[in-house]
Amino acid sequence: AVHRAIERRGAGTQTATEPVVVAARPVPLGAALTRDDVKTIAWPKDAAIDGTFSSVEEVLGHAVRATVSINEPLTREKVAPAGTGTGLPPAIPAGMRAISVKVDEVVSVAGFAVPGSRVDVLVALRGAHESIARAVTSNVQVLAVGTRNDAQEARDYRSGATVVTLLVTPEDAERISLASMQGSITLTLRNPLDDGA
């Protein structure tokens, strides 16, 4: 009788689940998902996450828009639609642009500007009688340093990087392009929690 009571109590506390696709291993930004990268697990229905996938086939060949950790559920925000390609393009939101700026170790904030950092872009203009510096745009995200779009890889690679790729609006891309032709570009690193101008 005790055994039956324990079985009944255990059956009553079982949580309903649904299949959810998660990362089977860490996946870097822009990588196309393969069968080795993903798996399906039983996820509690009462803790459902919006936009998840229920079948591995739904995500195979799609690129990820952000680095994904092991066992992290894949969502429609993190998985790019079919046909967007791999690498950096899937990480660019609609209406935004990626622009690359030529830098040296000093201009790239001594190597501390890594993917995910927020920076301000300044231009220094030299005149016949005086030199001035102006802010071109503020609080923009660093997408890649050199050819690395993963923060840890970029930290290991920081020496020798000559290009920083920024995520900007089309208008800011025009301003940065014009500023780079008229003067020298400098990046200033900012606190990611500082949303001010």
N, C-alpha and C. Protein backbone atom coordinates (compact mmCIF):
# COMPACT_ATOMS: atom_id res chain seq x y z
N ALA A 1 0.83 -1.20 0.00
CA ALA A 1 0.00 0.00 0.00
C ALA A 1 0.87 1.26 0.00
N VAL A 2 1.94 1.22 0.82
CA VAL A 2 2.85 2.37 0.87
C VAL A 2 3.52 2.56 -0.49
N HIS A 3 3.94 1.45 -1.10
CA HIS A 3 4.58 1.52 -2.41
C HIS A 3 3.64 2.13 -3.45
N ARG A 4 2.37 1.70 -3.46
CA ARG A 4 1.40 2.24 -4.41
C ARG A 4 1.16 3.72 -4.16
N ALA A 5 1.12 4.13 -2.89
CA ALA A 5 0.91 5.54 -2.56
C ALA A 5 2.07 6.40 -3.06
N ILE A 6 3.31 5.90 -2.89
CA ILE A 6 4.48 6.65 -3.36
C ILE A 6 4.46 6.76 -4.87
N GLU A 7 4.09 5.66 -5.57
CA GLU A 7 4.02 5.69 -7.03
C GLU A 7 2.98 6.70 -7.51
N ARG A 8 1.80 6.72 -6.82
CA ARG A 8 0.75 7.66 -7.21
C ARG A 8 1.20 9.10 -6.99
N ARG A 9 1.89 9.36 -5.87
CA ARG A 9 2.35 10.71 -5.59
C ARG A 9 3.40 11.14 -6.61
N GLY A 10 4.31 10.22 -7.00
CA GLY A 10 5.32 10.53 -8.00
C GLY A 10 4.69 10.81 -9.35
N ALA A 11 3.67 10.05 -9.72
CA ALA A 11 3.01 10.26 -11.00
C ALA A 11 2.29 11.59 -11.03
N GLY A 12 1.78 12.01 -9.88
CA GLY A 12 1.04 13.26 -9.82
C GLY A 12 1.92 14.48 -9.94
N THR A 13 3.22 14.34 -9.65
CA THR A 13 4.11 15.51 -9.69
C THR A 13 4.91 15.59 -10.99
N GLN A 14 4.68 14.66 -11.94
CA GLN A 14 5.41 14.72 -13.20
C GLN A 14 5.02 15.97 -13.98
N THR A 15 6.01 16.63 -14.55
CA THR A 15 5.79 17.85 -15.31
C THR A 15 5.67 17.51 -16.79
N ALA A 16 4.70 18.11 -17.45
CA ALA A 16 4.55 17.92 -18.88
C ALA A 16 5.72 18.58 -19.60
N THR A 17 6.23 17.92 -20.64
CA THR A 17 7.38 18.45 -21.38
C THR A 17 7.06 18.51 -22.88
N GLU A 18 7.94 19.21 -23.58
CA GLU A 18 7.86 19.30 -25.04
C GLU A 18 9.28 19.28 -25.58
N PRO A 19 9.48 18.80 -26.81
CA PRO A 19 10.85 18.79 -27.36
C PRO A 19 11.32 20.19 -27.72
N VAL A 20 12.57 20.49 -27.34
CA VAL A 20 13.18 21.79 -27.65
C VAL A 20 14.60 21.53 -28.15
N VAL A 21 14.97 22.23 -29.23
CA VAL A 21 16.31 22.09 -29.79
C VAL A 21 17.27 22.99 -29.02
N VAL A 22 18.38 22.41 -28.54
CA VAL A 22 19.41 23.15 -27.81
C VAL A 22 20.76 22.89 -28.47
N ALA A 23 21.75 23.70 -28.11
CA ALA A 23 23.10 23.51 -28.62
C ALA A 23 23.76 22.33 -27.93
N ALA A 24 24.32 21.43 -28.71
CA ALA A 24 25.02 20.27 -28.15
C ALA A 24 26.45 20.63 -27.76
N ARG A 25 26.93 21.76 -28.25
CA ARG A 25 28.27 22.25 -27.93
C ARG A 25 28.29 23.75 -28.22
N PRO A 26 29.29 24.49 -27.77
CA PRO A 26 29.33 25.93 -28.07
C PRO A 26 29.40 26.17 -29.57
N VAL A 27 28.61 27.15 -30.05
CA VAL A 27 28.58 27.47 -31.48
C VAL A 27 28.93 28.95 -31.64
N PRO A 28 29.98 29.27 -32.42
CA PRO A 28 30.36 30.68 -32.59
C PRO A 28 29.41 31.43 -33.51
N LEU A 29 29.37 32.73 -33.36
CA LEU A 29 28.54 33.60 -34.20
C LEU A 29 28.83 33.34 -35.67
N GLY A 30 27.77 33.23 -36.47
CA GLY A 30 27.91 33.08 -37.91
C GLY A 30 28.10 31.67 -38.40
N ALA A 31 28.28 30.70 -37.49
CA ALA A 31 28.50 29.31 -37.91
C ALA A 31 27.19 28.68 -38.37
N ALA A 32 27.26 27.86 -39.41
CA ALA A 32 26.09 27.12 -39.88
C ALA A 32 25.91 25.89 -38.99
N LEU A 33 24.69 25.65 -38.55
CA LEU A 33 24.40 24.56 -37.63
C LEU A 33 24.42 23.21 -38.34
N THR A 34 25.10 22.23 -37.73
CA THR A 34 25.14 20.87 -38.24
C THR A 34 24.50 19.95 -37.21
N ARG A 35 24.34 18.68 -37.57
CA ARG A 35 23.75 17.71 -36.62
C ARG A 35 24.60 17.56 -35.37
N ASP A 36 25.91 17.79 -35.49
CA ASP A 36 26.79 17.69 -34.32
C ASP A 36 26.63 18.86 -33.37
N ASP A 37 26.07 19.98 -33.86
CA ASP A 37 25.94 21.19 -33.06
C ASP A 37 24.68 21.22 -32.20
N VAL A 38 23.68 20.42 -32.56
CA VAL A 38 22.36 20.54 -31.92
C VAL A 38 21.83 19.20 -31.45
N LYS A 39 20.89 19.27 -30.52
CA LYS A 39 20.20 18.08 -30.02
C LYS A 39 18.83 18.52 -29.52
N THR A 40 17.95 17.55 -29.31
CA THR A 40 16.62 17.83 -28.80
C THR A 40 16.52 17.28 -27.38
N ILE A 41 15.97 18.09 -26.47
CA ILE A 41 15.76 17.63 -25.09
C ILE A 41 14.31 17.88 -24.70
N ALA A 42 13.88 17.21 -23.63
CA ALA A 42 12.53 17.44 -23.09
C ALA A 42 12.57 18.68 -22.21
N TRP A 43 11.77 19.68 -22.56
CA TRP A 43 11.76 20.95 -21.84
C TRP A 43 10.40 21.11 -21.14
N PRO A 44 10.38 21.53 -19.88
CA PRO A 44 9.09 21.67 -19.17
C PRO A 44 8.17 22.67 -19.87
N LYS A 45 6.92 22.27 -20.11
CA LYS A 45 5.97 23.15 -20.78
C LYS A 45 5.66 24.39 -19.96
N ASP A 46 5.70 24.26 -18.63
CA ASP A 46 5.38 25.42 -17.80
C ASP A 46 6.54 26.42 -17.73
N ALA A 47 7.68 26.10 -18.37
CA ALA A 47 8.81 27.04 -18.45
C ALA A 47 9.18 27.27 -19.91
N ALA A 48 8.17 27.24 -20.78
CA ALA A 48 8.40 27.37 -22.23
C ALA A 48 9.03 28.72 -22.57
N ILE A 49 9.89 28.71 -23.58
CA ILE A 49 10.55 29.90 -24.08
C ILE A 49 9.98 30.21 -25.46
N ASP A 50 9.61 31.45 -25.70
CA ASP A 50 9.04 31.84 -26.99
C ASP A 50 10.06 31.66 -28.11
N GLY A 51 9.58 31.16 -29.24
CA GLY A 51 10.41 31.11 -30.44
C GLY A 51 11.37 29.95 -30.52
N THR A 52 11.18 28.90 -29.72
CA THR A 52 12.08 27.75 -29.79
C THR A 52 11.70 26.83 -30.95
N PHE A 53 12.58 25.90 -31.25
CA PHE A 53 12.34 24.92 -32.31
C PHE A 53 12.11 23.56 -31.67
N SER A 54 11.27 22.74 -32.31
CA SER A 54 10.97 21.42 -31.76
C SER A 54 11.68 20.30 -32.51
N SER A 55 12.26 20.62 -33.67
CA SER A 55 12.90 19.60 -34.48
C SER A 55 14.27 20.09 -34.96
N VAL A 56 15.24 19.20 -34.93
CA VAL A 56 16.60 19.52 -35.38
C VAL A 56 16.60 19.93 -36.84
N GLU A 57 15.75 19.30 -37.65
CA GLU A 57 15.71 19.59 -39.09
C GLU A 57 15.37 21.06 -39.37
N GLU A 58 14.66 21.71 -38.46
CA GLU A 58 14.27 23.11 -38.66
C GLU A 58 15.45 24.07 -38.67
N VAL A 59 16.56 23.68 -38.03
CA VAL A 59 17.70 24.60 -37.89
C VAL A 59 18.95 24.18 -38.66
N LEU A 60 18.96 22.98 -39.21
CA LEU A 60 20.16 22.51 -39.91
C LEU A 60 20.49 23.41 -41.09
N GLY A 61 21.75 23.82 -41.18
CA GLY A 61 22.21 24.68 -42.26
C GLY A 61 22.01 26.16 -42.02
N HIS A 62 21.26 26.52 -40.98
CA HIS A 62 21.04 27.93 -40.66
C HIS A 62 22.21 28.44 -39.83
N ALA A 63 22.56 29.70 -40.00
CA ALA A 63 23.64 30.31 -39.22
C ALA A 63 23.08 30.91 -37.93
N VAL A 64 23.92 31.01 -36.91
CA VAL A 64 23.50 31.63 -35.66
C VAL A 64 23.90 33.10 -35.66
N ARG A 65 23.03 33.94 -35.10
CA ARG A 65 23.26 35.39 -35.07
C ARG A 65 24.08 35.83 -33.87
N ALA A 66 24.31 34.92 -32.95
CA ALA A 66 25.10 35.23 -31.74
C ALA A 66 25.75 33.95 -31.27
N THR A 67 26.81 34.07 -30.50
CA THR A 67 27.46 32.89 -29.93
C THR A 67 26.48 32.17 -29.02
N VAL A 68 26.42 30.85 -29.14
CA VAL A 68 25.47 30.04 -28.36
C VAL A 68 26.26 29.10 -27.47
N SER A 69 25.86 29.02 -26.20
CA SER A 69 26.54 28.15 -25.24
C SER A 69 25.95 26.75 -25.27
N ILE A 70 26.69 25.78 -24.75
CA ILE A 70 26.23 24.41 -24.70
C ILE A 70 24.94 24.32 -23.87
N ASN A 71 23.98 23.55 -24.35
CA ASN A 71 22.66 23.33 -23.74
C ASN A 71 21.77 24.57 -23.74
N GLU A 72 22.16 25.62 -24.46
CA GLU A 72 21.31 26.81 -24.56
C GLU A 72 20.23 26.57 -25.61
N PRO A 73 18.96 26.85 -25.30
CA PRO A 73 17.89 26.67 -26.29
C PRO A 73 18.09 27.61 -27.48
N LEU A 74 17.87 27.10 -28.67
CA LEU A 74 17.96 27.91 -29.88
C LEU A 74 16.60 28.56 -30.14
N THR A 75 16.61 29.85 -30.38
CA THR A 75 15.37 30.58 -30.64
C THR A 75 15.43 31.24 -32.01
N ARG A 76 14.28 31.70 -32.49
CA ARG A 76 14.22 32.34 -33.80
C ARG A 76 15.00 33.66 -33.82
N GLU A 77 15.25 34.26 -32.66
CA GLU A 77 16.07 35.47 -32.60
C GLU A 77 17.55 35.15 -32.80
N LYS A 78 17.97 33.95 -32.38
CA LYS A 78 19.38 33.59 -32.46
C LYS A 78 19.74 32.83 -33.72
N VAL A 79 18.74 32.27 -34.41
CA VAL A 79 19.00 31.49 -35.61
C VAL A 79 18.52 32.30 -36.82
N ALA A 80 19.43 32.54 -37.76
CA ALA A 80 19.10 33.34 -38.94
C ALA A 80 18.21 32.55 -39.90
N PRO A 81 17.36 33.25 -40.65
CA PRO A 81 16.53 32.56 -41.65
C PRO A 81 17.40 31.91 -42.73
N ALA A 82 16.81 30.96 -43.44
CA ALA A 82 17.52 30.31 -44.54
C ALA A 82 17.89 31.34 -45.59
N GLY A 83 19.07 31.16 -46.18
CA GLY A 83 19.49 32.03 -47.26
C GLY A 83 20.26 33.27 -46.84
N THR A 84 20.46 33.47 -45.53
CA THR A 84 21.20 34.66 -45.09
C THR A 84 22.71 34.42 -45.08
N GLY A 85 23.12 33.20 -45.35
CA GLY A 85 24.55 32.90 -45.40
C GLY A 85 25.14 32.65 -44.03
N THR A 86 26.46 32.60 -43.97
CA THR A 86 27.16 32.36 -42.72
C THR A 86 28.14 33.49 -42.47
N GLY A 87 28.83 33.42 -41.37
CA GLY A 87 29.78 34.47 -41.01
C GLY A 87 29.10 35.65 -40.37
N LEU A 88 29.57 36.85 -40.67
CA LEU A 88 29.07 38.06 -40.02
C LEU A 88 27.69 38.53 -40.51
N PRO A 89 27.34 38.38 -41.80
CA PRO A 89 26.05 38.92 -42.27
C PRO A 89 24.81 38.55 -41.45
N PRO A 90 24.65 37.30 -40.98
CA PRO A 90 23.45 37.00 -40.19
C PRO A 90 23.36 37.78 -38.88
N ALA A 91 24.50 38.32 -38.40
CA ALA A 91 24.49 39.06 -37.13
C ALA A 91 24.07 40.51 -37.31
N ILE A 92 23.87 40.95 -38.56
CA ILE A 92 23.50 42.34 -38.82
C ILE A 92 21.98 42.45 -38.85
N PRO A 93 21.37 43.14 -37.89
CA PRO A 93 19.90 43.27 -37.87
C PRO A 93 19.40 44.05 -39.08
N ALA A 94 18.16 43.81 -39.43
CA ALA A 94 17.55 44.55 -40.54
C ALA A 94 17.62 46.04 -40.26
N GLY A 95 17.97 46.82 -41.27
CA GLY A 95 18.06 48.27 -41.14
C GLY A 95 19.39 48.78 -40.64
N MET A 96 20.30 47.87 -40.29
CA MET A 96 21.62 48.26 -39.80
C MET A 96 22.68 47.88 -40.83
N ARG A 97 23.89 48.40 -40.65
CA ARG A 97 24.99 48.12 -41.55
C ARG A 97 26.25 47.81 -40.75
N ALA A 98 27.15 47.07 -41.37
CA ALA A 98 28.47 46.82 -40.78
C ALA A 98 29.49 47.61 -41.59
N ILE A 99 30.30 48.38 -40.91
CA ILE A 99 31.34 49.16 -41.59
C ILE A 99 32.68 48.88 -40.90
N SER A 100 33.70 48.69 -41.70
CA SER A 100 35.03 48.42 -41.16
C SER A 100 35.87 49.69 -41.16
N VAL A 101 36.59 49.88 -40.07
CA VAL A 101 37.42 51.07 -39.88
C VAL A 101 38.86 50.62 -39.70
N LYS A 102 39.77 51.22 -40.47
CA LYS A 102 41.18 50.88 -40.34
C LYS A 102 41.72 51.47 -39.04
N VAL A 103 42.41 50.63 -38.26
CA VAL A 103 42.91 51.06 -36.95
C VAL A 103 44.33 50.53 -36.75
N ASP A 104 44.95 51.03 -35.68
CA ASP A 104 46.17 50.42 -35.19
C ASP A 104 45.92 50.08 -33.72
N GLU A 105 46.93 49.61 -33.01
CA GLU A 105 46.71 49.18 -31.63
C GLU A 105 46.21 50.31 -30.74
N VAL A 106 46.68 51.54 -30.98
CA VAL A 106 46.26 52.67 -30.16
C VAL A 106 44.82 53.06 -30.50
N VAL A 107 44.53 53.16 -31.81
CA VAL A 107 43.20 53.57 -32.25
C VAL A 107 42.14 52.58 -31.78
N SER A 108 42.48 51.29 -31.72
CA SER A 108 41.51 50.28 -31.28
C SER A 108 41.51 50.12 -29.76
N VAL A 109 41.87 51.16 -29.04
CA VAL A 109 41.89 51.22 -27.58
C VAL A 109 42.82 50.16 -27.02
N ALA A 110 44.02 50.12 -27.58
CA ALA A 110 45.09 49.22 -27.12
C ALA A 110 44.64 47.77 -27.05
N GLY A 111 43.77 47.37 -27.96
CA GLY A 111 43.34 45.98 -28.02
C GLY A 111 42.18 45.63 -27.11
N PHE A 112 41.66 46.59 -26.36
CA PHE A 112 40.55 46.30 -25.45
C PHE A 112 39.18 46.37 -26.14
N ALA A 113 39.13 46.90 -27.34
CA ALA A 113 37.88 46.89 -28.11
C ALA A 113 37.73 45.51 -28.72
N VAL A 114 36.82 44.70 -28.18
CA VAL A 114 36.59 43.34 -28.65
C VAL A 114 35.14 43.22 -29.10
N PRO A 115 34.79 42.19 -29.85
CA PRO A 115 33.40 42.02 -30.27
C PRO A 115 32.44 42.09 -29.08
N GLY A 116 31.41 42.92 -29.23
CA GLY A 116 30.45 43.14 -28.15
C GLY A 116 30.70 44.42 -27.39
N SER A 117 31.92 44.99 -27.51
CA SER A 117 32.22 46.27 -26.85
C SER A 117 31.39 47.38 -27.47
N ARG A 118 31.21 48.47 -26.70
CA ARG A 118 30.55 49.67 -27.21
C ARG A 118 31.60 50.77 -27.29
N VAL A 119 31.61 51.48 -28.41
CA VAL A 119 32.60 52.54 -28.61
C VAL A 119 31.95 53.79 -29.19
N ASP A 120 32.65 54.93 -29.03
CA ASP A 120 32.32 56.15 -29.74
C ASP A 120 33.36 56.31 -30.84
N VAL A 121 32.95 56.88 -31.96
CA VAL A 121 33.86 57.10 -33.08
C VAL A 121 34.15 58.59 -33.19
N LEU A 122 35.43 58.95 -33.11
CA LEU A 122 35.86 60.34 -33.22
C LEU A 122 36.69 60.53 -34.49
N VAL A 123 36.65 61.74 -35.02
CA VAL A 123 37.52 62.07 -36.14
C VAL A 123 38.37 63.27 -35.74
N ALA A 124 39.67 63.19 -36.02
CA ALA A 124 40.60 64.30 -35.77
C ALA A 124 40.92 64.96 -37.10
N LEU A 125 40.69 66.26 -37.15
CA LEU A 125 40.93 67.03 -38.37
C LEU A 125 42.07 68.01 -38.14
N ARG A 126 43.04 68.03 -39.03
CA ARG A 126 44.18 68.95 -38.91
C ARG A 126 43.98 70.11 -39.87
N GLY A 127 43.95 71.29 -39.32
CA GLY A 127 43.83 72.48 -40.14
C GLY A 127 45.14 73.21 -40.25
N ALA A 128 45.15 74.29 -41.02
CA ALA A 128 46.38 75.08 -41.19
C ALA A 128 46.80 75.73 -39.89
N HIS A 129 45.81 76.15 -39.06
CA HIS A 129 46.14 76.88 -37.83
C HIS A 129 45.76 76.12 -36.56
N GLU A 130 44.82 75.20 -36.67
CA GLU A 130 44.43 74.45 -35.47
C GLU A 130 43.90 73.08 -35.87
N SER A 131 43.93 72.17 -34.90
CA SER A 131 43.39 70.83 -35.10
C SER A 131 42.20 70.64 -34.17
N ILE A 132 41.20 69.92 -34.64
CA ILE A 132 40.00 69.69 -33.82
C ILE A 132 39.62 68.22 -33.89
N ALA A 133 38.88 67.78 -32.89
CA ALA A 133 38.34 66.43 -32.86
C ALA A 133 36.84 66.53 -32.65
N ARG A 134 36.09 65.73 -33.38
CA ARG A 134 34.63 65.74 -33.28
C ARG A 134 34.13 64.31 -33.18
N ALA A 135 33.02 64.13 -32.45
CA ALA A 135 32.36 62.83 -32.39
C ALA A 135 31.57 62.61 -33.67
N VAL A 136 31.80 61.49 -34.32
CA VAL A 136 31.08 61.15 -35.54
C VAL A 136 29.80 60.42 -35.18
N THR A 137 29.90 59.45 -34.28
CA THR A 137 28.75 58.71 -33.78
C THR A 137 29.11 58.12 -32.42
N SER A 138 28.08 57.83 -31.63
CA SER A 138 28.31 57.36 -30.26
C SER A 138 27.61 56.03 -30.00
N ASN A 139 28.18 55.30 -29.06
CA ASN A 139 27.56 54.07 -28.52
C ASN A 139 27.26 53.05 -29.61
N VAL A 140 28.26 52.74 -30.43
CA VAL A 140 28.08 51.72 -31.46
C VAL A 140 28.76 50.43 -31.03
N GLN A 141 28.23 49.32 -31.51
CA GLN A 141 28.72 48.00 -31.12
C GLN A 141 29.85 47.55 -32.04
N VAL A 142 30.88 46.95 -31.44
CA VAL A 142 31.95 46.33 -32.21
C VAL A 142 31.49 44.92 -32.59
N LEU A 143 31.45 44.65 -33.91
CA LEU A 143 31.06 43.32 -34.38
C LEU A 143 32.25 42.38 -34.50
N ALA A 144 33.36 42.90 -34.97
CA ALA A 144 34.53 42.05 -35.18
C ALA A 144 35.80 42.87 -35.05
N VAL A 145 36.87 42.20 -34.67
CA VAL A 145 38.20 42.81 -34.60
C VAL A 145 39.10 42.00 -35.52
N GLY A 146 39.66 42.64 -36.53
CA GLY A 146 40.37 41.88 -37.55
C GLY A 146 39.36 41.00 -38.26
N THR A 147 39.64 39.71 -38.31
CA THR A 147 38.70 38.76 -38.90
C THR A 147 38.01 37.93 -37.84
N ARG A 148 38.14 38.33 -36.57
CA ARG A 148 37.57 37.54 -35.48
C ARG A 148 36.30 38.20 -34.97
N ASN A 149 35.21 37.43 -34.91
CA ASN A 149 33.97 37.97 -34.37
C ASN A 149 33.58 37.33 -33.05
N ASP A 150 34.52 36.61 -32.45
CA ASP A 150 34.31 36.02 -31.14
C ASP A 150 35.20 36.76 -30.14
N ALA A 151 34.61 37.18 -29.03
CA ALA A 151 35.33 38.03 -28.09
C ALA A 151 36.61 37.39 -27.56
N GLN A 152 36.56 36.11 -27.17
CA GLN A 152 37.75 35.47 -26.60
C GLN A 152 38.83 35.32 -27.66
N GLU A 153 38.45 34.91 -28.88
CA GLU A 153 39.43 34.79 -29.95
C GLU A 153 40.05 36.14 -30.26
N ALA A 154 39.24 37.19 -30.23
CA ALA A 154 39.75 38.53 -30.53
C ALA A 154 40.73 38.98 -29.46
N ARG A 155 40.50 38.63 -28.20
CA ARG A 155 41.44 38.99 -27.14
C ARG A 155 42.80 38.33 -27.40
N ASP A 156 42.75 37.05 -27.85
CA ASP A 156 44.00 36.33 -28.13
C ASP A 156 44.69 36.88 -29.37
N TYR A 157 43.91 37.53 -30.24
CA TYR A 157 44.39 37.97 -31.55
C TYR A 157 44.68 39.46 -31.60
N ARG A 158 44.42 40.15 -30.47
CA ARG A 158 44.36 41.62 -30.50
C ARG A 158 45.61 42.27 -31.09
N SER A 159 46.80 41.69 -30.89
CA SER A 159 47.98 42.33 -31.46
C SER A 159 47.99 42.09 -32.96
N GLY A 160 48.20 43.14 -33.71
CA GLY A 160 48.27 43.02 -35.16
C GLY A 160 46.96 43.25 -35.87
N ALA A 161 45.85 43.40 -35.16
CA ALA A 161 44.58 43.66 -35.82
C ALA A 161 44.61 45.06 -36.43
N THR A 162 44.20 45.16 -37.69
CA THR A 162 44.25 46.46 -38.37
C THR A 162 42.88 46.97 -38.78
N VAL A 163 41.82 46.21 -38.48
CA VAL A 163 40.47 46.60 -38.86
C VAL A 163 39.51 46.27 -37.73
N VAL A 164 38.61 47.21 -37.44
CA VAL A 164 37.52 46.97 -36.49
C VAL A 164 36.22 47.18 -37.25
N THR A 165 35.31 46.22 -37.16
CA THR A 165 34.02 46.30 -37.85
C THR A 165 32.95 46.71 -36.85
N LEU A 166 32.20 47.76 -37.19
CA LEU A 166 31.20 48.34 -36.30
C LEU A 166 29.79 48.14 -36.85
N LEU A 167 28.81 48.03 -35.95
CA LEU A 167 27.40 47.92 -36.32
C LEU A 167 26.78 49.31 -36.19
N VAL A 168 26.35 49.88 -37.33
CA VAL A 168 25.86 51.26 -37.33
C VAL A 168 24.61 51.38 -38.21
N THR A 169 23.96 52.53 -38.10
CA THR A 169 22.85 52.85 -39.00
C THR A 169 23.43 53.25 -40.36
N PRO A 170 22.63 53.22 -41.43
CA PRO A 170 23.14 53.67 -42.73
C PRO A 170 23.66 55.11 -42.69
N GLU A 171 22.98 55.97 -41.93
CA GLU A 171 23.41 57.37 -41.83
C GLU A 171 24.77 57.47 -41.14
N ASP A 172 24.96 56.70 -40.06
CA ASP A 172 26.25 56.72 -39.38
C ASP A 172 27.35 56.14 -40.26
N ALA A 173 27.01 55.15 -41.09
CA ALA A 173 28.00 54.58 -42.01
C ALA A 173 28.49 55.65 -42.97
N GLU A 174 27.57 56.48 -43.46
CA GLU A 174 27.96 57.58 -44.35
C GLU A 174 28.88 58.56 -43.65
N ARG A 175 28.53 58.91 -42.38
CA ARG A 175 29.35 59.87 -41.63
C ARG A 175 30.75 59.33 -41.36
N ILE A 176 30.83 58.05 -40.99
CA ILE A 176 32.14 57.44 -40.70
C ILE A 176 32.98 57.38 -41.97
N SER A 177 32.36 57.02 -43.08
CA SER A 177 33.09 56.95 -44.35
C SER A 177 33.65 58.31 -44.74
N LEU A 178 32.83 59.35 -44.61
CA LEU A 178 33.27 60.70 -44.94
C LEU A 178 34.38 61.17 -43.99
N ALA A 179 34.20 60.88 -42.69
CA ALA A 179 35.18 61.29 -41.69
C ALA A 179 36.52 60.61 -41.93
N SER A 180 36.51 59.36 -42.35
CA SER A 180 37.77 58.64 -42.57
C SER A 180 38.55 59.22 -43.75
N MET A 181 37.83 59.84 -44.69
CA MET A 181 38.53 60.47 -45.83
C MET A 181 39.07 61.86 -45.47
N GLN A 182 38.45 62.51 -44.48
CA GLN A 182 38.83 63.87 -44.13
C GLN A 182 39.84 63.96 -43.00
N GLY A 183 39.91 62.93 -42.16
CA GLY A 183 40.81 62.96 -41.02
C GLY A 183 41.11 61.57 -40.53
N SER A 184 41.65 61.47 -39.34
CA SER A 184 41.98 60.16 -38.77
C SER A 184 40.94 59.76 -37.74
N ILE A 185 40.56 58.49 -37.79
CA ILE A 185 39.51 57.94 -36.92
C ILE A 185 40.12 57.40 -35.63
N THR A 186 39.47 57.67 -34.52
CA THR A 186 39.86 57.13 -33.21
C THR A 186 38.63 56.54 -32.55
N LEU A 187 38.79 55.41 -31.87
CA LEU A 187 37.70 54.80 -31.12
C LEU A 187 37.91 55.06 -29.64
N THR A 188 36.83 55.39 -28.93
CA THR A 188 36.91 55.53 -27.48
C THR A 188 35.99 54.48 -26.87
N LEU A 189 36.53 53.69 -25.97
CA LEU A 189 35.79 52.61 -25.33
C LEU A 189 34.86 53.18 -24.27
N ARG A 190 33.64 52.63 -24.17
CA ARG A 190 32.69 53.12 -23.17
C ARG A 190 32.13 51.96 -22.37
N ASN A 191 31.63 52.28 -21.18
CA ASN A 191 30.99 51.28 -20.33
C ASN A 191 29.73 50.79 -21.02
N PRO A 192 29.50 49.48 -21.12
CA PRO A 192 28.31 48.97 -21.81
C PRO A 192 27.01 49.38 -21.15
N LEU A 193 27.05 49.79 -19.88
CA LEU A 193 25.83 50.22 -19.18
C LEU A 193 25.58 51.72 -19.35
N ASP A 194 26.52 52.42 -19.98
CA ASP A 194 26.39 53.86 -20.19
C ASP A 194 25.62 54.10 -21.48
N ASP A 195 24.33 54.41 -21.36
CA ASP A 195 23.49 54.63 -22.54
C ASP A 195 23.41 56.09 -22.94
N GLY A 196 24.13 56.96 -22.25
CA GLY A 196 24.10 58.39 -22.56
C GLY A 196 24.78 58.70 -23.87
N ALA A 197 24.72 59.95 -24.27
CA ALA A 197 25.34 60.38 -25.54
C ALA A 197 26.85 60.38 -25.42
